[in-house]
Amino acid sequence: MTTVAELAHRIAHAVSADPAVARLDAGSLGLVATYVPGGKVAGVRVASPTGPVVLGVVLYLDRPLPEVTARLRELVRSVAGDMAVNVEVAGVVSTVDDAGELPPR
């Protein structure tokens, strides 16, 4: 059986790879996190191997947010199985900086 720590790491890896995600975010109080041996997985809170999951993300502002959050929910379910997934958008960032350059993804 998959442990909460393994699941949190797998979800974090998959969500971080999505091109609309600038970064994972634990929130202003650091509550969106899963504590694992040796530390924590910020931006992913897994209550148990059967869910629910809470994601904290900062998104690039180049796609409709409802579309992105729906895709992230499905991405988490593809990794973790059919469970409740709540996506908390902690912020958005522009896809270009003041110099008109794209940020690293």
Protein backbone atom coordinates (compact mmCIF):
# COMPACT_ATOMS: atom_id res chain seq x y z
CA MET A 1 0.00 0.00 0.00
CA THR A 2 1.20 3.51 -0.81
CA THR A 3 2.14 5.62 2.20
CA VAL A 4 1.01 9.22 2.68
CA ALA A 5 4.62 10.38 2.22
CA GLU A 6 5.03 8.53 -1.09
CA LEU A 7 1.70 9.82 -2.33
CA ALA A 8 2.50 13.42 -1.38
CA HIS A 9 5.85 13.26 -3.19
CA ARG A 10 4.30 11.72 -6.32
CA ILE A 11 1.55 14.35 -6.42
CA ALA A 12 4.04 17.19 -5.87
CA HIS A 13 6.24 15.91 -8.70
CA ALA A 14 3.32 15.59 -11.15
CA VAL A 15 1.73 18.94 -10.29
CA SER A 16 5.06 20.80 -10.39
CA ALA A 17 5.62 19.51 -13.93
CA ASP A 18 2.39 21.06 -15.21
CA PRO A 19 3.24 24.07 -17.43
CA ALA A 20 0.56 26.24 -15.79
CA VAL A 21 2.05 25.81 -12.30
CA ALA A 22 4.66 28.37 -11.29
CA ARG A 23 5.22 26.66 -7.93
CA LEU A 24 3.60 24.78 -5.08
CA ASP A 25 2.66 26.94 -2.09
CA ALA A 26 1.94 25.96 1.51
CA GLY A 27 -0.17 29.06 2.11
CA SER A 28 0.45 32.00 4.41
CA LEU A 29 0.23 29.83 7.53
CA GLY A 30 1.99 26.82 6.02
CA LEU A 31 -1.05 24.59 6.44
CA VAL A 32 -1.07 23.11 2.95
CA ALA A 33 1.68 20.59 3.55
CA THR A 34 2.22 16.93 4.32
CA TYR A 35 4.73 16.16 7.04
CA VAL A 36 6.99 13.30 6.05
CA PRO A 37 10.06 11.74 7.64
CA GLY A 38 12.82 14.34 7.38
CA GLY A 39 10.64 17.30 6.48
CA LYS A 40 7.48 18.23 4.65
CA VAL A 41 6.00 18.40 1.17
CA ALA A 42 4.85 22.02 0.86
CA GLY A 43 1.82 22.68 -1.32
CA VAL A 44 0.35 19.18 -0.99
CA ARG A 45 -1.71 18.06 1.98
CA VAL A 46 -2.71 14.39 1.99
CA ALA A 47 -4.87 13.31 4.92
CA SER A 48 -4.62 9.58 4.22
CA PRO A 49 -3.79 7.25 1.32
CA THR A 50 -7.46 7.47 0.31
CA GLY A 51 -7.64 11.27 0.47
CA PRO A 52 -8.68 13.95 0.48
CA VAL A 53 -5.91 16.01 -1.12
CA VAL A 54 -5.45 19.77 -0.92
CA LEU A 55 -3.13 21.49 -3.39
CA GLY A 56 -1.71 24.94 -2.84
CA VAL A 57 -0.44 26.41 -6.10
CA VAL A 58 0.72 29.63 -7.69
CA LEU A 59 -0.34 29.63 -11.33
CA TYR A 60 0.81 31.42 -14.45
CA LEU A 61 -1.82 33.83 -15.64
CA ASP A 62 -1.86 32.73 -19.27
CA ARG A 63 -4.73 30.22 -19.09
CA PRO A 64 -8.25 30.33 -17.63
CA LEU A 65 -7.99 29.42 -13.94
CA PRO A 66 -11.10 27.15 -13.87
CA GLU A 67 -9.64 25.15 -16.77
CA VAL A 68 -6.28 24.80 -15.02
CA THR A 69 -7.73 23.80 -11.65
CA ALA A 70 -9.95 21.19 -13.29
CA ARG A 71 -6.93 19.77 -15.12
CA LEU A 72 -4.91 19.68 -11.87
CA ARG A 73 -7.71 17.78 -10.11
CA GLU A 74 -7.69 15.18 -12.86
CA LEU A 75 -3.90 15.01 -12.77
CA VAL A 76 -3.95 14.29 -9.03
CA ARG A 77 -6.60 11.61 -9.52
CA SER A 78 -4.50 9.99 -12.24
CA VAL A 79 -1.63 9.73 -9.75
CA ALA A 80 -3.53 9.03 -6.53
CA GLY A 81 -6.79 7.42 -7.54
CA ASP A 82 -10.38 8.59 -7.30
CA MET A 83 -10.50 10.94 -4.32
CA ALA A 84 -11.60 14.43 -3.38
CA VAL A 85 -9.14 17.09 -4.53
CA ASN A 86 -9.31 20.74 -3.52
CA VAL A 87 -7.12 23.19 -5.40
CA GLU A 88 -6.30 26.40 -3.53
CA VAL A 89 -4.85 29.06 -5.81
CA ALA A 90 -2.49 30.98 -3.54
CA GLY A 91 -1.56 33.45 -6.25
CA VAL A 92 -0.94 34.10 -9.90
CA VAL A 93 2.09 35.41 -11.73
CA SER A 94 2.43 37.02 -15.11
CA THR A 95 3.92 35.00 -17.90
CA VAL A 96 6.33 37.86 -18.68
CA ASP A 97 8.52 39.95 -16.42
CA ASP A 98 9.05 43.72 -16.57
CA ALA A 99 11.59 43.28 -19.36
CA GLY A 100 9.12 41.27 -21.44
CA GLU A 101 11.00 38.01 -20.84
CA LEU A 102 9.36 34.71 -20.02
CA PRO A 103 10.18 33.38 -16.54
CA PRO A 104 11.89 29.98 -16.30
CA ARG A 105 9.47 27.06 -16.23
